[in-house]
Protein backbone atom coordinates (compact mmCIF):
# COMPACT_ATOMS: atom_id res chain seq x y z
CA UNK A 1 186.11 167.47 73.49
CA UNK A 2 183.25 169.66 72.23
CA UNK A 3 182.57 170.29 68.54
CA UNK A 4 182.79 173.81 67.14
CA UNK A 5 179.53 175.75 66.88
CA UNK A 6 178.12 176.27 63.38
CA UNK A 7 174.97 177.93 62.03
CA UNK A 8 172.49 175.61 60.35
CA UNK A 9 170.33 177.35 57.76
CA UNK A 10 168.04 174.44 56.86
CA UNK A 11 167.49 170.73 57.39
CA UNK A 12 167.42 168.64 60.54
CA UNK A 13 170.54 167.68 62.42
CA UNK A 14 171.47 164.11 61.49
CA UNK A 15 170.84 161.71 64.35
CA UNK A 16 168.28 163.89 66.09
CA UNK A 17 165.13 162.33 67.51
CA UNK A 18 162.89 164.29 65.14
CA UNK A 19 164.86 163.60 61.95
CA UNK A 20 163.02 160.40 61.01
CA UNK A 21 159.56 161.74 61.76
CA UNK A 22 160.14 164.98 59.85
CA UNK A 23 161.58 163.10 56.89
CA UNK A 24 158.51 160.84 56.71
CA UNK A 25 156.20 163.86 56.85
CA UNK A 26 158.17 165.50 54.08
CA UNK A 27 158.50 162.49 51.74
CA UNK A 28 154.84 161.54 52.15
CA UNK A 29 153.87 164.90 50.64
CA UNK A 30 155.26 163.83 47.26
CA UNK A 31 152.08 161.87 46.49
CA UNK A 32 150.12 165.13 46.54
CA UNK A 33 151.87 166.33 43.36
CA UNK A 34 151.08 163.15 41.40
CA UNK A 35 147.94 162.60 39.30
CA UNK A 36 145.72 159.59 40.00
CA UNK A 37 146.94 157.65 36.97
CA UNK A 38 150.53 157.50 38.31
CA UNK A 39 151.32 154.96 41.00
CA UNK A 40 153.82 155.94 43.68
CA UNK A 41 155.57 153.47 45.97
CA UNK A 42 157.48 154.75 49.00
CA UNK A 43 159.98 152.74 51.02
CA UNK A 44 162.38 154.49 53.41
CA UNK A 45 164.04 157.17 51.27
CA UNK A 46 163.20 155.53 47.93
CA UNK A 47 160.39 156.61 45.65
CA UNK A 48 159.21 154.59 42.67
CA UNK A 49 156.64 155.91 40.21
CA UNK A 50 155.09 154.14 37.29
CA UNK A 51 152.16 154.30 34.92
CA UNK A 52 150.89 152.61 31.79
CA UNK A 53 152.15 154.18 28.55
CA UNK A 54 149.77 153.61 25.65
CA UNK A 55 150.20 156.80 23.65
CA UNK A 56 152.39 159.82 23.10
CA UNK A 57 150.07 161.75 25.40
CA UNK A 58 150.88 159.26 28.19
CA UNK A 59 154.61 159.91 27.61
CA UNK A 60 154.05 163.65 27.85
CA UNK A 61 152.00 163.22 31.03
CA UNK A 62 154.76 161.13 32.62
CA UNK A 63 157.34 163.78 31.70
CA UNK A 64 155.09 166.39 33.34
CA UNK A 65 155.02 164.23 36.47
CA UNK A 66 158.84 164.18 36.49
CA UNK A 67 158.80 167.99 36.29
CA UNK A 68 156.37 168.10 39.22
CA UNK A 69 158.68 165.85 41.25
CA UNK A 70 161.63 168.05 40.38
CA UNK A 71 159.70 171.14 41.50
CA UNK A 72 158.68 169.31 44.68
CA UNK A 73 162.32 168.47 45.46
CA UNK A 74 163.36 172.11 45.02
CA UNK A 75 160.48 173.31 47.19
CA UNK A 76 161.36 170.86 49.99
CA UNK A 77 165.12 171.36 49.50
CA UNK A 78 165.64 167.64 48.91
CA UNK A 79 168.05 166.48 46.24
CA UNK A 80 167.30 163.58 43.90
CA UNK A 81 170.06 161.04 43.49
CA UNK A 82 170.33 160.65 39.72
CA UNK A 83 172.57 157.59 40.02
CA UNK A 84 169.50 155.70 41.29
CA UNK A 85 167.16 156.90 38.54
CA UNK A 86 166.24 154.26 35.98
């Protein structure tokens, strides 16, 4: 039995040979939107960011980083799973 044909407007077909490589290329670009004072750890499809908060300015800077990550996710058409956000 053959599956019905459908148009794919974006993304990579799940299970394709290129899916993993293209995902890694995409997720690795997230570090480019982060300032030097924010540490970013990547493992598979998980991203952890952290920084030292010593002042209100540091809190504002971290919030700006979260906005940058949100903009990055829209640009790359990748959703952020809010159930995993701490």
